[in-house]
């Protein structure tokens, strides 16, 4: 991107942490793009408390997001 070739779609959080003046950021107008985040794991492997906590947070956020998306589509 810094060679002035191409376009990339990055989340807002990347823009907030980028201190370089060599990149130009633009926001989408209208409905914003969405993405799906998935988690996979081997059920036979040990899962630490940190991993279990992360999985629970992802589930909670997923439920919030899916109910918000359903409301927008209605």
N, C-alpha and C. Protein backbone atom coordinates (compact mmCIF):
# COMPACT_ATOMS: atom_id res chain seq x y z
N UNK A 1 0.82 -1.19 0.00
CA UNK A 1 0.00 0.00 0.00
C UNK A 1 0.86 1.26 0.00
N UNK A 2 1.98 1.21 0.63
CA UNK A 2 2.79 2.42 0.71
C UNK A 2 3.52 2.73 -0.59
N UNK A 3 3.42 1.84 -1.57
CA UNK A 3 4.03 2.10 -2.88
C UNK A 3 3.03 2.74 -3.85
N UNK A 4 1.87 3.16 -3.31
CA UNK A 4 0.81 3.77 -4.11
C UNK A 4 0.22 2.81 -5.14
N UNK A 5 0.16 1.55 -4.80
CA UNK A 5 -0.43 0.54 -5.67
C UNK A 5 -1.53 -0.18 -4.92
N UNK A 6 -2.76 0.00 -5.34
CA UNK A 6 -3.84 -0.80 -4.80
C UNK A 6 -4.64 -0.16 -3.69
N UNK A 7 -5.64 -0.92 -3.30
CA UNK A 7 -6.58 -0.51 -2.27
C UNK A 7 -6.74 -1.68 -1.30
N UNK A 8 -6.91 -1.38 -0.05
CA UNK A 8 -7.13 -2.42 0.94
C UNK A 8 -8.28 -2.01 1.85
N UNK A 9 -9.06 -2.99 2.28
CA UNK A 9 -10.15 -2.73 3.23
C UNK A 9 -9.66 -3.21 4.59
N UNK A 10 -9.59 -2.29 5.54
CA UNK A 10 -9.11 -2.61 6.88
C UNK A 10 -10.11 -2.09 7.90
N UNK A 11 -10.16 -2.72 9.07
CA UNK A 11 -11.09 -2.24 10.10
C UNK A 11 -10.66 -0.88 10.66
N UNK A 12 -11.60 -0.18 11.21
CA UNK A 12 -11.36 1.15 11.80
C UNK A 12 -10.25 1.11 12.84
N UNK A 13 -10.15 -0.01 13.58
CA UNK A 13 -9.13 -0.09 14.63
C UNK A 13 -7.72 0.02 14.05
N UNK A 14 -7.52 -0.43 12.81
CA UNK A 14 -6.20 -0.31 12.18
C UNK A 14 -5.88 1.16 11.90
N UNK A 15 -6.88 1.89 11.49
CA UNK A 15 -6.70 3.32 11.22
C UNK A 15 -6.31 4.07 12.49
N UNK A 16 -6.95 3.72 13.58
CA UNK A 16 -6.70 4.42 14.84
C UNK A 16 -5.29 4.23 15.35
N UNK A 17 -4.67 3.10 15.02
CA UNK A 17 -3.32 2.84 15.53
C UNK A 17 -2.22 3.21 14.54
N UNK A 18 -2.59 3.55 13.32
CA UNK A 18 -1.60 3.88 12.28
C UNK A 18 -1.18 5.33 12.42
N UNK A 19 0.09 5.56 12.67
CA UNK A 19 0.60 6.93 12.84
C UNK A 19 1.31 7.45 11.59
N UNK A 20 1.36 6.64 10.55
CA UNK A 20 2.05 7.04 9.33
C UNK A 20 1.20 8.03 8.52
N UNK A 21 1.87 8.98 7.87
CA UNK A 21 1.15 9.90 6.99
C UNK A 21 1.24 9.42 5.53
N UNK A 22 1.74 8.20 5.32
CA UNK A 22 1.90 7.68 3.96
C UNK A 22 0.65 6.96 3.46
N UNK A 23 -0.35 6.77 4.32
CA UNK A 23 -1.59 6.11 3.92
C UNK A 23 -2.76 7.05 4.09
N UNK A 24 -3.73 6.87 3.22
CA UNK A 24 -4.95 7.69 3.26
C UNK A 24 -6.12 6.76 3.53
N UNK A 25 -6.91 7.07 4.52
CA UNK A 25 -8.06 6.25 4.89
C UNK A 25 -9.35 6.96 4.49
N UNK A 26 -10.29 6.20 3.98
CA UNK A 26 -11.63 6.69 3.64
C UNK A 26 -12.65 5.74 4.22
N UNK A 27 -13.76 6.26 4.69
CA UNK A 27 -14.84 5.43 5.22
C UNK A 27 -15.87 5.17 4.13
N UNK A 28 -16.52 4.02 4.23
CA UNK A 28 -17.62 3.72 3.31
C UNK A 28 -18.81 4.59 3.65
N UNK A 29 -19.56 4.98 2.64
CA UNK A 29 -20.82 5.66 2.91
C UNK A 29 -21.93 4.62 2.85
N UNK A 30 -23.04 4.91 3.47
CA UNK A 30 -24.15 3.96 3.47
C UNK A 30 -23.89 2.81 4.44
N UNK A 31 -24.45 1.66 4.11
CA UNK A 31 -24.31 0.49 4.97
C UNK A 31 -22.86 0.00 4.99
N UNK A 32 -22.34 -0.23 6.17
CA UNK A 32 -20.95 -0.65 6.33
C UNK A 32 -20.81 -2.15 6.05
N UNK A 33 -19.67 -2.56 5.50
CA UNK A 33 -19.44 -3.99 5.29
C UNK A 33 -19.35 -4.72 6.63
N UNK A 34 -19.66 -5.99 6.62
CA UNK A 34 -19.55 -6.80 7.83
C UNK A 34 -18.64 -7.99 7.55
N UNK A 35 -18.25 -8.68 8.60
CA UNK A 35 -17.45 -9.88 8.44
C UNK A 35 -17.88 -10.90 9.48
N UNK A 36 -17.59 -12.14 9.19
CA UNK A 36 -17.90 -13.23 10.10
C UNK A 36 -16.61 -13.72 10.74
N UNK A 37 -16.66 -13.87 12.04
CA UNK A 37 -15.50 -14.39 12.77
C UNK A 37 -15.87 -15.79 13.25
N UNK A 38 -14.99 -16.74 13.02
CA UNK A 38 -15.25 -18.12 13.43
C UNK A 38 -14.14 -18.62 14.33
N UNK A 39 -14.49 -19.54 15.21
CA UNK A 39 -13.51 -20.17 16.07
C UNK A 39 -13.61 -21.68 15.89
N UNK A 40 -12.47 -22.32 15.84
CA UNK A 40 -12.43 -23.78 15.77
C UNK A 40 -11.43 -24.27 16.81
N UNK A 41 -11.67 -25.46 17.30
CA UNK A 41 -10.74 -26.04 18.25
C UNK A 41 -10.89 -27.56 18.22
N UNK A 42 -9.87 -28.21 18.70
CA UNK A 42 -9.88 -29.65 18.81
C UNK A 42 -10.45 -30.00 20.18
N UNK A 43 -11.58 -30.69 20.22
CA UNK A 43 -12.24 -30.97 21.49
C UNK A 43 -11.43 -31.95 22.36
N UNK A 44 -10.43 -32.60 21.80
CA UNK A 44 -9.60 -33.52 22.56
C UNK A 44 -8.39 -32.85 23.21
N UNK A 45 -8.18 -31.58 22.89
CA UNK A 45 -7.03 -30.87 23.46
C UNK A 45 -7.46 -30.05 24.67
N UNK A 46 -6.52 -29.82 25.56
CA UNK A 46 -6.77 -29.02 26.75
C UNK A 46 -7.11 -27.58 26.37
N UNK A 47 -8.11 -27.03 27.03
CA UNK A 47 -8.47 -25.63 26.81
C UNK A 47 -8.25 -24.87 28.12
N UNK A 48 -7.35 -23.90 28.07
CA UNK A 48 -7.04 -23.13 29.26
C UNK A 48 -8.23 -22.25 29.65
N UNK A 49 -8.16 -21.71 30.83
CA UNK A 49 -9.21 -20.80 31.30
C UNK A 49 -9.29 -19.57 30.37
N UNK A 50 -8.14 -19.10 29.90
CA UNK A 50 -8.12 -17.94 28.99
C UNK A 50 -8.85 -18.26 27.68
N UNK A 51 -8.63 -19.44 27.14
CA UNK A 51 -9.31 -19.83 25.89
C UNK A 51 -10.81 -19.95 26.12
N UNK A 52 -11.20 -20.56 27.23
CA UNK A 52 -12.63 -20.69 27.54
C UNK A 52 -13.28 -19.32 27.72
N UNK A 53 -12.57 -18.40 28.34
CA UNK A 53 -13.09 -17.04 28.52
C UNK A 53 -13.24 -16.34 27.18
N UNK A 54 -12.24 -16.48 26.32
CA UNK A 54 -12.33 -15.90 24.97
C UNK A 54 -13.52 -16.46 24.23
N UNK A 55 -13.71 -17.77 24.27
CA UNK A 55 -14.84 -18.40 23.58
C UNK A 55 -16.18 -17.86 24.09
N UNK A 56 -16.28 -17.68 25.38
CA UNK A 56 -17.52 -17.15 25.96
C UNK A 56 -17.77 -15.72 25.51
N UNK A 57 -16.74 -14.90 25.47
CA UNK A 57 -16.89 -13.51 25.00
C UNK A 57 -17.31 -13.47 23.53
N UNK A 58 -16.71 -14.33 22.73
CA UNK A 58 -17.08 -14.38 21.31
C UNK A 58 -18.54 -14.79 21.16
N UNK A 59 -18.97 -15.78 21.94
CA UNK A 59 -20.39 -16.19 21.90
C UNK A 59 -21.31 -15.04 22.28
N UNK A 60 -20.98 -14.35 23.36
CA UNK A 60 -21.83 -13.23 23.81
C UNK A 60 -21.89 -12.13 22.76
N UNK A 61 -20.74 -11.76 22.20
CA UNK A 61 -20.72 -10.73 21.16
C UNK A 61 -21.46 -11.19 19.92
N UNK A 62 -21.33 -12.45 19.59
CA UNK A 62 -22.01 -13.00 18.42
C UNK A 62 -23.52 -12.91 18.60
N UNK A 63 -24.00 -13.22 19.79
CA UNK A 63 -25.44 -13.13 20.05
C UNK A 63 -25.93 -11.70 19.96
N UNK A 64 -25.16 -10.75 20.48
CA UNK A 64 -25.53 -9.34 20.40
C UNK A 64 -25.58 -8.88 18.95
N UNK A 65 -24.56 -9.25 18.19
CA UNK A 65 -24.46 -8.83 16.80
C UNK A 65 -25.57 -9.43 15.96
N UNK A 66 -25.85 -10.71 16.15
CA UNK A 66 -26.88 -11.35 15.32
C UNK A 66 -28.25 -10.78 15.62
N UNK A 67 -28.55 -10.42 16.87
CA UNK A 67 -29.85 -9.83 17.17
C UNK A 67 -29.94 -8.42 16.60
N UNK A 68 -28.84 -7.67 16.61
CA UNK A 68 -28.82 -6.33 16.02
C UNK A 68 -29.00 -6.40 14.51
N UNK A 69 -28.34 -7.37 13.87
CA UNK A 69 -28.45 -7.53 12.43
C UNK A 69 -29.88 -7.92 12.05
N UNK A 70 -30.50 -8.79 12.81
CA UNK A 70 -31.89 -9.19 12.53
C UNK A 70 -32.83 -8.00 12.63
N UNK A 71 -32.59 -7.12 13.62
CA UNK A 71 -33.45 -5.95 13.79
C UNK A 71 -33.30 -5.01 12.60
N UNK A 72 -32.07 -4.83 12.07
CA UNK A 72 -31.84 -3.95 10.93
C UNK A 72 -32.52 -4.46 9.67
N UNK A 73 -32.52 -5.78 9.48
CA UNK A 73 -33.10 -6.36 8.28
C UNK A 73 -34.61 -6.32 8.30
N UNK A 74 -35.21 -6.28 9.49
CA UNK A 74 -36.68 -6.29 9.60
C UNK A 74 -37.30 -4.99 9.17
